[in-house]
Amino acid sequence: MNGIDQVTLNFDAGNLKLLNAILAVVMFSIALDLRFDDFRRVARGPKPLIVGLTSQFVVLPALTFLMIVALKPMPSVAMGLILVAACPGGNISNFMTHRAKGNVALSVSMTAFATVAAIIITPANIAFWGNLYGPTREILQRTEIDPVAVAITVGFMLILPLILGMFVNARFTRFADRIRRPMQWLSMAIFVAFIVVALAANWDNFLQVAGAIIGLVILHNALAFLGGYFTATAGGLSERDRRSVTIETGIQNSGLGLILIFAFFGGLGGMAVAAALWGIWHAISGIALAAFFARREIPQ
């Protein structure tokens, strides 16, 4: 693994702009599921949302840090895992929550609130946890990452599409109903295809480091799911709410992670491959977990 930190994945400005556009389309498709009433509903009973956001933005980064301290992966890999843990929930979490018989309204609300909060919390978590561990602190010092620039990037990629999607859903409800599911499936397919094409262009470098990282990604993702479930249990949430928090914590927006890595870290190999493998693996593990939950009856 010693060569991982010397590997970079080539990703030109045109590809980065295309990835930005794809992520914006993905977020727009998610927002077609959101209504302003979702926020009002949460305001009337905020406890599940507070527990869920705590799991996502506090518990997961903390577990990530403990895992890194215990296993001591190469610095770029460690930084990649920290960055993924700092991102908000992923775009397929609502679909998986529905399959898992969880609380979809809570899942949608968590997606919305986490996306908005990510403007501040994502760069803050990257800076805090990255500087807490010596080897990743050196990466942050070399890149001189600007939290304000990260916040602006997050805002443009997540918040604007979110607002536009919610506006379309509120003002053109029938149109939103017709395009919602096709848009979500299409955006996900385009995103996955783009990641595959991007990796194909860097296939030799990808293969050089992927084998050494995949085990860490699988363990990290398992910790995310377990951390979500136990945090929701400790918070006294119902089984349906536990399932929602579990999936929201274990499904991360790795697309945003990739954008930040290529925009601010120069496509550092360990970081980029960790985020890309997360994007592939969390879909597989999330579908499997949703199927497991679906077979289990919810206590009355």
Protein backbone atom coordinates (compact mmCIF):
# COMPACT_ATOMS: atom_id res chain seq x y z
CA MET A 1 0.00 0.00 0.00
CA ASN A 2 3.02 2.31 0.22
CA GLY A 3 2.46 3.64 -3.31
CA ILE A 4 -1.14 4.68 -2.84
CA ASP A 5 -0.35 8.19 -1.67
CA GLN A 6 1.72 8.80 -4.82
CA VAL A 7 -1.14 7.80 -7.16
CA THR A 8 -3.52 10.39 -8.61
CA LEU A 9 -6.50 9.85 -10.87
CA ASN A 10 -6.66 12.12 -13.91
CA PHE A 11 -9.87 14.11 -14.10
CA ASP A 12 -9.89 17.19 -16.31
CA ALA A 13 -11.97 20.34 -15.83
CA GLY A 14 -14.54 19.24 -18.39
CA ASN A 15 -15.13 15.94 -16.60
CA LEU A 16 -15.43 17.73 -13.28
CA LYS A 17 -18.06 20.10 -14.66
CA LEU A 18 -19.96 17.11 -16.06
CA LEU A 19 -19.84 15.37 -12.67
CA ASN A 20 -21.12 18.57 -11.04
CA ALA A 21 -24.02 18.67 -13.48
CA ILE A 22 -24.85 14.99 -12.92
CA LEU A 23 -24.87 15.45 -9.14
CA ALA A 24 -27.14 18.48 -9.53
CA VAL A 25 -29.58 16.37 -11.59
CA VAL A 26 -29.44 13.65 -8.93
CA MET A 27 -30.28 16.17 -6.19
CA PHE A 28 -33.07 17.67 -8.30
CA SER A 29 -34.62 14.20 -8.66
CA ILE A 30 -34.45 13.69 -4.89
CA ALA A 31 -36.07 17.07 -4.25
CA LEU A 32 -39.07 16.06 -6.35
CA ASP A 33 -40.00 13.87 -3.36
CA LEU A 34 -39.84 16.76 -0.91
CA ARG A 35 -42.61 19.07 0.17
CA PHE A 36 -42.53 22.05 2.49
CA ASP A 37 -44.95 20.13 4.73
CA ASP A 38 -42.11 17.68 5.42
CA PHE A 39 -40.29 20.44 7.28
CA ARG A 40 -43.42 21.42 9.20
CA ARG A 41 -44.00 17.80 10.22
CA VAL A 42 -40.48 17.54 11.57
CA ALA A 43 -40.91 20.78 13.52
CA ARG A 44 -43.87 19.20 15.34
CA GLY A 45 -41.85 16.11 16.33
CA PRO A 46 -38.13 16.81 15.87
CA LYS A 47 -36.64 14.07 18.06
CA PRO A 48 -36.16 11.39 15.32
CA LEU A 49 -34.57 13.96 13.01
CA ILE A 50 -32.21 15.22 15.72
CA VAL A 51 -31.16 11.65 16.56
CA GLY A 52 -30.69 10.89 12.85
CA LEU A 53 -28.58 13.95 12.12
CA THR A 54 -26.50 13.26 15.23
CA SER A 55 -25.87 9.75 13.93
CA GLN A 56 -24.88 11.03 10.51
CA PHE A 57 -22.77 14.08 11.36
CA VAL A 58 -21.36 13.15 14.80
CA VAL A 59 -21.41 9.40 15.39
CA LEU A 60 -20.25 8.33 11.89
CA PRO A 61 -17.26 10.74 11.76
CA ALA A 62 -16.29 9.71 15.30
CA LEU A 63 -16.45 5.99 14.42
CA THR A 64 -14.43 6.75 11.28
CA PHE A 65 -11.75 8.46 13.34
CA LEU A 66 -11.56 5.55 15.80
CA MET A 67 -11.29 3.08 12.91
CA ILE A 68 -8.47 5.09 11.34
CA VAL A 69 -6.56 5.37 14.62
CA ALA A 70 -6.92 1.61 15.18
CA LEU A 71 -6.04 0.42 11.65
CA LYS A 72 -3.73 3.24 10.52
CA PRO A 73 -4.42 3.11 6.76
CA MET A 74 -2.32 5.17 4.38
CA PRO A 75 -2.95 8.92 4.85
CA SER A 76 -4.82 9.49 1.56
CA VAL A 77 -7.12 6.52 2.26
CA ALA A 78 -7.76 7.80 5.79
CA MET A 79 -8.54 11.26 4.40
CA GLY A 80 -10.92 9.73 1.86
CA LEU A 81 -12.84 7.88 4.56
CA ILE A 82 -13.03 11.02 6.70
CA LEU A 83 -14.33 13.01 3.74
CA VAL A 84 -17.00 10.43 2.87
CA ALA A 85 -18.14 10.38 6.51
CA ALA A 86 -18.44 14.17 6.42
CA CYS A 87 -20.84 14.13 3.45
CA PRO A 88 -24.64 14.15 3.80
CA GLY A 89 -26.82 11.14 2.98
CA GLY A 90 -26.82 9.60 -0.49
CA ASN A 91 -29.41 9.87 -3.22
CA ILE A 92 -30.74 6.29 -2.96
CA SER A 93 -31.43 6.29 0.78
CA ASN A 94 -35.12 7.20 0.42
CA PHE A 95 -35.72 4.36 -2.04
CA MET A 96 -33.92 1.88 0.24
CA THR A 97 -35.83 3.07 3.30
CA HIS A 98 -39.08 2.38 1.47
CA ARG A 99 -37.87 -1.13 0.61
CA ALA A 100 -36.83 -1.67 4.24
CA LYS A 101 -40.32 -0.71 5.51
CA GLY A 102 -38.81 2.21 7.37
CA ASN A 103 -40.21 5.67 7.97
CA VAL A 104 -39.91 7.24 4.50
CA ALA A 105 -41.07 10.66 5.73
CA LEU A 106 -38.21 10.69 8.25
CA SER A 107 -35.77 9.56 5.56
CA VAL A 108 -36.87 12.32 3.21
CA SER A 109 -36.67 14.89 6.00
CA MET A 110 -33.17 13.72 6.95
CA THR A 111 -32.07 13.99 3.33
CA ALA A 112 -33.39 17.54 3.11
CA PHE A 113 -32.03 18.79 6.44
CA ALA A 114 -28.68 17.02 6.05
CA THR A 115 -28.28 18.51 2.57
CA VAL A 116 -28.91 22.02 3.86
CA ALA A 117 -26.72 21.51 6.94
CA ALA A 118 -23.90 20.12 4.79
CA ILE A 119 -22.98 23.65 3.67
CA ILE A 120 -21.54 24.24 7.14
CA ILE A 121 -21.10 20.79 8.69
CA THR A 122 -19.32 19.00 5.81
CA PRO A 123 -16.33 21.40 5.58
CA ALA A 124 -16.28 21.69 9.39
CA ASN A 125 -16.11 17.92 9.83
CA ILE A 126 -13.41 17.56 7.15
CA ALA A 127 -11.31 20.20 8.89
CA PHE A 128 -11.93 18.97 12.46
CA TRP A 129 -11.43 15.22 12.03
CA GLY A 130 -8.76 15.61 9.36
CA ASN A 131 -6.67 17.85 11.60
CA LEU A 132 -7.16 15.56 14.59
CA TYR A 133 -5.12 12.77 12.95
CA GLY A 134 -1.48 13.58 12.15
CA PRO A 135 -1.07 12.01 8.68
CA THR A 136 -4.32 13.52 7.36
CA ARG A 137 -3.42 16.86 8.93
CA GLU A 138 -0.41 16.92 6.63
CA ILE A 139 -2.66 16.39 3.58
CA LEU A 140 -4.90 19.27 4.64
CA GLN A 141 -1.88 21.51 5.17
CA ARG A 142 -0.46 20.62 1.75
CA THR A 143 -3.74 21.32 -0.03
CA GLU A 144 -4.56 24.42 2.05
CA ILE A 145 -8.24 23.62 1.67
CA ASP A 146 -10.54 26.60 2.14
CA PRO A 147 -13.69 25.70 4.15
CA VAL A 148 -15.53 28.63 2.56
CA ALA A 149 -14.75 27.34 -0.95
CA VAL A 150 -15.96 23.87 0.09
CA ALA A 151 -19.16 25.38 1.49
CA ILE A 152 -19.79 27.28 -1.76
CA THR A 153 -19.24 24.10 -3.80
CA VAL A 154 -21.59 22.12 -1.56
CA GLY A 155 -24.18 24.87 -1.78
CA PHE A 156 -24.20 25.02 -5.56
CA MET A 157 -24.19 21.24 -5.99
CA LEU A 158 -26.85 20.45 -3.38
CA ILE A 159 -28.93 23.40 -2.25
CA LEU A 160 -29.87 25.03 -5.57
CA PRO A 161 -31.12 21.75 -7.13
CA LEU A 162 -32.95 20.99 -3.86
CA ILE A 163 -34.80 24.31 -3.93
CA LEU A 164 -35.62 23.96 -7.65
CA GLY A 165 -36.94 20.41 -7.20
CA MET A 166 -39.12 21.41 -4.26
CA PHE A 167 -40.45 24.39 -6.24
CA VAL A 168 -41.40 22.13 -9.18
CA ASN A 169 -43.06 19.67 -6.79
CA ALA A 170 -45.06 22.45 -5.13
CA ARG A 171 -46.12 24.38 -8.25
CA PHE A 172 -46.31 21.64 -10.89
CA THR A 173 -47.39 18.64 -8.82
CA ARG A 174 -48.78 16.49 -11.64
CA PHE A 175 -45.68 17.03 -13.75
CA ALA A 176 -43.47 16.18 -10.76
CA ASP A 177 -45.47 12.99 -10.14
CA ARG A 178 -44.91 11.87 -13.75
CA ILE A 179 -41.17 12.46 -13.85
CA ARG A 180 -40.21 11.62 -10.24
CA ARG A 181 -39.41 7.91 -10.51
CA PRO A 182 -37.99 8.01 -14.07
CA MET A 183 -35.75 10.94 -13.08
CA GLN A 184 -34.46 9.15 -9.99
CA TRP A 185 -33.64 5.96 -11.87
CA LEU A 186 -32.16 7.85 -14.83
CA SER A 187 -30.00 10.11 -12.68
CA MET A 188 -28.71 7.15 -10.70
CA ALA A 189 -27.92 5.19 -13.87
CA ILE A 190 -26.09 8.19 -15.40
CA PHE A 191 -24.12 8.72 -12.19
CA VAL A 192 -23.01 5.07 -11.98
CA ALA A 193 -22.14 5.02 -15.69
CA PHE A 194 -20.07 8.18 -15.31
CA ILE A 195 -18.12 6.72 -12.38
CA VAL A 196 -17.43 3.56 -14.39
CA VAL A 197 -16.22 5.59 -17.39
CA ALA A 198 -14.07 7.82 -15.15
CA LEU A 199 -12.47 4.79 -13.54
CA ALA A 200 -11.96 3.12 -16.92
CA ALA A 201 -9.87 6.09 -18.00
CA ASN A 202 -7.70 5.52 -14.92
CA TRP A 203 -8.03 1.75 -14.84
CA ASP A 204 -4.38 0.87 -14.18
CA ASN A 205 -4.13 3.29 -11.29
CA PHE A 206 -7.51 2.17 -9.98
CA LEU A 207 -6.51 -1.50 -9.97
CA GLN A 208 -3.21 -0.58 -8.32
CA VAL A 209 -4.97 0.66 -5.20
CA ALA A 210 -8.53 -0.76 -5.18
CA GLY A 211 -7.61 -4.16 -3.76
CA ALA A 212 -5.92 -2.58 -0.77
CA ILE A 213 -8.88 -0.28 -0.05
CA ILE A 214 -12.02 -2.35 -0.62
CA GLY A 215 -11.77 -4.14 2.75
CA LEU A 216 -11.55 -0.82 4.57
CA VAL A 217 -14.55 0.52 2.63
CA ILE A 218 -16.65 -2.54 3.51
CA LEU A 219 -15.71 -2.27 7.20
CA HIS A 220 -16.33 1.49 7.21
CA ASN A 221 -19.76 1.05 5.64
CA ALA A 222 -20.66 -1.68 8.15
CA LEU A 223 -19.68 0.63 11.00
CA ALA A 224 -21.91 3.33 9.51
CA PHE A 225 -24.95 1.04 9.44
CA LEU A 226 -24.27 -0.32 12.94
CA GLY A 227 -23.62 3.16 14.31
CA GLY A 228 -26.89 4.38 12.84
CA TYR A 229 -28.94 1.51 14.27
CA PHE A 230 -27.43 1.69 17.76
CA THR A 231 -27.68 5.47 17.90
CA ALA A 232 -31.37 5.29 16.94
CA THR A 233 -31.91 2.54 19.53
CA ALA A 234 -30.14 4.54 22.24
CA GLY A 235 -32.31 7.50 21.27
CA GLY A 236 -35.46 5.48 21.97
CA LEU A 237 -36.79 5.60 18.40
CA SER A 238 -39.34 3.18 17.01
CA GLU A 239 -38.25 0.28 14.80
CA ARG A 240 -39.41 2.06 11.64
CA ASP A 241 -37.43 5.15 12.60
CA ARG A 242 -34.39 3.02 13.47
CA ARG A 243 -34.40 1.56 10.00
CA SER A 244 -34.55 5.02 8.45
CA VAL A 245 -31.68 6.36 10.54
CA THR A 246 -29.61 3.23 9.88
CA ILE A 247 -29.92 3.54 6.11
CA GLU A 248 -29.45 7.31 6.09
CA THR A 249 -26.23 6.91 8.08
CA GLY A 250 -24.88 4.09 5.90
CA ILE A 251 -25.75 5.63 2.51
CA GLN A 252 -23.45 8.59 1.91
CA ASN A 253 -23.28 11.10 -0.93
CA SER A 254 -20.06 9.74 -2.41
CA GLY A 255 -20.70 11.76 -5.59
CA LEU A 256 -20.24 14.96 -3.61
CA GLY A 257 -17.17 13.37 -2.07
CA LEU A 258 -15.65 12.77 -5.50
CA ILE A 259 -16.33 16.35 -6.56
CA LEU A 260 -14.56 17.68 -3.45
CA ILE A 261 -11.63 15.29 -3.97
CA PHE A 262 -11.05 16.30 -7.58
CA ALA A 263 -11.73 19.98 -6.95
CA PHE A 264 -9.64 20.45 -3.81
CA PHE A 265 -7.29 17.45 -3.42
CA GLY A 266 -6.08 16.99 -7.00
CA GLY A 267 -7.65 13.55 -7.43
CA LEU A 268 -5.40 12.00 -4.76
CA GLY A 269 -5.60 8.27 -5.52
CA GLY A 270 -6.41 6.83 -2.11
CA MET A 271 -9.13 9.41 -1.53
CA ALA A 272 -10.71 9.11 -4.98
CA VAL A 273 -10.73 5.31 -5.03
CA ALA A 274 -12.15 5.15 -1.48
CA ALA A 275 -15.03 7.46 -2.46
CA ALA A 276 -15.66 5.62 -5.75
CA LEU A 277 -15.69 2.22 -4.03
CA TRP A 278 -18.04 3.64 -1.40
CA GLY A 279 -20.38 4.72 -4.20
CA ILE A 280 -20.46 1.17 -5.55
CA TRP A 281 -20.42 -0.79 -2.30
CA HIS A 282 -23.02 1.18 -0.33
CA ALA A 283 -25.57 0.51 -3.09
CA ILE A 284 -24.92 -3.24 -2.81
CA SER A 285 -24.89 -3.33 0.99
CA GLY A 286 -27.87 -0.97 1.24
CA ILE A 287 -30.03 -3.12 -1.02
CA ALA A 288 -29.03 -6.23 0.96
CA LEU A 289 -29.81 -4.54 4.29
CA ALA A 290 -33.15 -3.25 3.00
CA ALA A 291 -34.07 -6.80 1.93
CA PHE A 292 -33.07 -8.10 5.38
CA PHE A 293 -35.22 -5.48 7.13
CA ALA A 294 -38.13 -6.15 4.75
CA ARG A 295 -38.28 -9.79 5.87
CA ARG A 296 -38.50 -8.84 9.53
CA GLU A 297 -41.84 -7.88 11.02
CA ILE A 298 -42.06 -4.52 12.74
CA PRO A 299 -43.21 -4.86 16.40
CA GLN A 300 -46.60 -3.35 17.03
